[in-house]
Protein backbone atom coordinates (compact mmCIF):
# COMPACT_ATOMS: atom_id res chain seq x y z
CA MET A 1 -30.81 13.86 -13.95
CA LEU A 2 -27.00 15.22 -14.18
CA GLU A 3 -27.57 15.26 -17.98
CA THR A 4 -30.41 17.41 -17.59
CA PHE A 5 -28.68 19.61 -14.83
CA PRO A 6 -25.01 18.74 -14.86
CA ASN A 7 -24.28 21.73 -12.76
CA LEU A 8 -25.78 19.70 -9.87
CA ALA A 9 -22.39 18.06 -9.37
CA MET A 10 -20.85 21.08 -9.06
CA THR A 11 -23.23 21.79 -5.27
CA VAL A 12 -21.53 22.11 -2.46
CA ASP A 13 -22.05 22.44 1.21
CA LEU A 14 -21.08 24.86 3.91
CA SER A 15 -17.54 23.40 4.23
CA CYS A 16 -17.23 22.74 -0.03
CA THR A 17 -18.31 19.03 -0.07
CA THR A 18 -19.60 18.31 -3.08
CA ALA A 19 -21.47 14.87 -4.32
CA LEU A 20 -18.07 13.25 -5.15
CA HIS A 21 -16.21 14.00 -1.70
CA THR A 22 -19.57 12.15 -0.26
CA ALA A 23 -19.39 9.39 -3.05
CA ALA A 24 -15.85 8.77 -2.49
CA SER A 25 -15.67 8.65 1.11
CA GLN A 26 -18.40 6.33 1.65
CA GLY A 27 -16.81 3.96 -1.21
CA HIS A 28 -19.24 4.61 -4.01
CA THR A 29 -17.51 4.00 -7.26
CA ASP A 30 -20.13 3.68 -9.30
CA VAL A 31 -21.27 7.27 -8.00
CA VAL A 32 -17.73 8.36 -8.35
CA ASN A 33 -17.45 7.11 -11.92
CA LEU A 34 -20.80 8.88 -13.12
CA LEU A 35 -19.77 12.33 -11.15
CA LEU A 36 -16.31 12.12 -12.92
CA LYS A 37 -17.86 11.57 -16.33
CA THR A 38 -20.16 14.50 -15.90
CA ASP A 39 -17.32 16.64 -14.74
CA SER A 40 -13.75 14.99 -15.26
CA HIS A 41 -12.26 18.24 -12.79
CA LEU A 42 -14.64 17.52 -9.97
CA ALA A 43 -11.54 15.52 -8.74
CA LYS A 44 -9.77 18.98 -8.01
CA ILE A 45 -12.09 20.59 -5.69
CA ALA A 46 -10.85 20.83 -2.03
CA LYS A 47 -13.30 21.18 1.09
CA ASN A 48 -12.16 24.02 3.66
CA ASN A 49 -9.81 21.79 4.97
CA GLY A 50 -7.95 21.61 1.49
CA LYS A 51 -9.11 17.61 1.53
CA THR A 52 -10.31 16.28 -1.81
CA ALA A 53 -12.15 13.26 -2.82
CA LEU A 54 -8.88 11.60 -3.17
CA HIS A 55 -8.03 12.21 0.60
CA SER A 56 -10.93 11.24 1.81
CA ALA A 57 -11.10 7.74 -0.23
CA ALA A 58 -7.56 7.21 0.41
CA ARG A 59 -8.22 7.50 4.31
CA MET A 60 -11.42 5.26 4.17
CA GLY A 61 -9.74 2.61 2.46
CA HIS A 62 -11.83 2.44 -0.56
CA ARG A 63 -9.35 1.19 -3.06
CA GLU A 64 -11.40 1.20 -6.32
CA VAL A 65 -12.95 4.61 -5.74
CA VAL A 66 -8.97 5.98 -5.47
CA LYS A 67 -7.98 3.87 -8.72
CA SER A 68 -10.79 5.78 -10.58
CA LEU A 69 -9.82 8.97 -9.39
CA ILE A 70 -6.13 8.56 -9.48
CA GLY A 71 -7.28 7.00 -13.14
CA ASN A 72 -9.25 10.13 -13.89
CA ASP A 73 -5.77 12.52 -13.08
CA ALA A 74 -2.73 11.31 -11.84
CA SER A 75 -1.84 14.67 -10.68
CA ILE A 76 -4.58 14.81 -8.31
CA GLY A 77 -2.10 12.25 -5.75
CA PHE A 78 -0.05 15.54 -5.12
CA ARG A 79 -2.78 17.31 -3.95
CA THR A 80 -1.87 18.98 0.05
CA ASP A 81 -4.50 19.53 2.58
CA LYS A 82 -3.98 22.58 4.93
CA LYS A 83 -1.73 20.36 6.86
CA GLY A 84 0.40 19.78 3.66
CA GLN A 85 -0.10 16.42 3.52
CA THR A 86 -1.43 14.16 0.26
CA ALA A 87 -3.80 11.45 -0.20
CA LEU A 88 -0.80 9.16 0.70
CA HIS A 89 -0.33 10.61 3.69
CA MET A 90 -3.85 10.07 5.18
CA ALA A 91 -3.57 6.19 3.11
CA VAL A 92 -0.62 5.18 5.37
CA LYS A 93 -2.51 5.95 8.40
CA GLY A 94 -4.96 2.89 7.55
CA GLN A 95 -4.03 -0.85 7.49
CA ASN A 96 -4.44 -0.92 3.24
CA GLU A 97 -1.28 -1.38 1.65
CA GLY A 98 -3.09 -2.12 -1.72
CA ILE A 99 -4.06 1.75 -1.74
CA VAL A 100 -0.49 2.78 -0.63
CA LEU A 101 0.99 0.92 -3.52
CA GLU A 102 -2.00 2.58 -5.78
CA LEU A 103 -0.88 6.19 -4.60
CA VAL A 104 2.69 5.74 -5.45
CA LYS A 105 2.47 3.64 -8.78
CA PRO A 106 1.47 6.51 -11.01
CA ASP A 107 5.05 8.90 -9.78
CA PRO A 108 7.13 7.32 -6.95
CA ALA A 109 8.09 11.00 -6.26
CA ILE A 110 5.04 10.97 -4.15
CA LEU A 111 6.67 9.17 -1.19
CA SER A 112 9.15 12.73 -0.98
CA VAL A 113 6.33 14.88 0.23
CA GLU A 114 6.89 16.22 3.17
CA ASP A 115 3.72 17.91 5.49
CA SER A 116 3.82 21.13 7.12
CA LYS A 117 5.59 19.11 10.31
CA GLY A 118 8.26 17.91 7.92
CA ASN A 119 6.60 14.41 7.62
CA THR A 120 7.13 12.16 4.49
CA PRO A 121 4.39 9.36 4.02
CA LEU A 122 6.98 6.92 5.40
CA HIS A 123 7.29 8.92 8.67
CA THR A 124 3.91 9.05 9.23
CA ALA A 125 3.32 5.51 8.49
CA THR A 126 6.18 4.36 11.38
CA ASN A 127 4.65 7.00 14.02
CA LYS A 128 1.37 5.11 13.41
CA GLY A 129 2.97 2.01 13.90
CA ARG A 130 1.87 0.57 10.34
CA ILE A 131 4.67 -2.11 10.06
CA LYS A 132 3.17 -4.01 6.83
CA VAL A 133 2.43 -0.05 5.14
CA SER A 134 5.78 1.23 6.32
CA SER A 135 7.92 -1.61 4.61
CA SER A 136 5.48 -1.36 1.70
CA LEU A 137 7.32 2.02 1.49
CA ILE A 138 10.89 1.19 1.49
CA PRO A 139 12.00 -0.11 -2.10
CA PRO A 140 13.71 -3.57 -1.97
CA PRO A 141 17.24 -3.85 -1.78
CA LEU A 142 19.08 -3.80 -5.21
CA SER A 143 21.54 -6.46 -3.95
CA PHE A 144 23.07 -8.23 -0.85
CA SER A 145 26.31 -6.65 -1.18
CA ILE A 146 24.81 -3.74 0.80
CA TYR A 147 24.67 -5.55 3.59
CA LYS A 148 28.20 -6.72 3.79
CA ASN A 149 29.10 -4.17 6.70
CA SER A 150 25.73 -4.20 8.09
CA ASP A 151 24.54 -5.44 11.71
CA GLU A 152 21.49 -7.39 12.90
CA LEU A 153 19.74 -4.15 13.03
CA HIS A 154 19.89 -3.53 9.59
CA PHE A 155 18.86 -7.07 8.68
CA ALA A 156 15.80 -6.92 11.00
CA PHE A 157 14.57 -3.74 9.31
CA ALA A 158 15.42 -5.10 6.15
CA GLY A 159 12.94 -7.98 7.17
CA ARG A 160 16.25 -10.41 6.25
């Protein structure tokens, strides 16, 4: 049907939700891939709240969908919603470190994007108490020498 009527993929409801948003939020990777094949620009369409399909997939914990959307266009990871949050901000609210790593992999600069309240994804993760996710956002130390004059608190934070 999409081959005959490709414009169906662009249909939106009153909140500008597309079929791609719905498929992404429900974790239907095959449907996401079919829709992206029909029109790769679908991934850039945001709902009224500014959230893209990537925001939804990241928040709902659908790693394969996140990989498909990022694979289609890695720059979409930098799109922000009306609160200034990226898909990484959404992902860190959950418990899935794999999704967080998938979103950081294309460009680690995403880690420094602040939302409208000045929160980076690391701030959001720590505010939500996501310890494992928070630690996955902190790069490993380059060497032990940086701890030479550190106290126990520094070691505890570093997981040492």
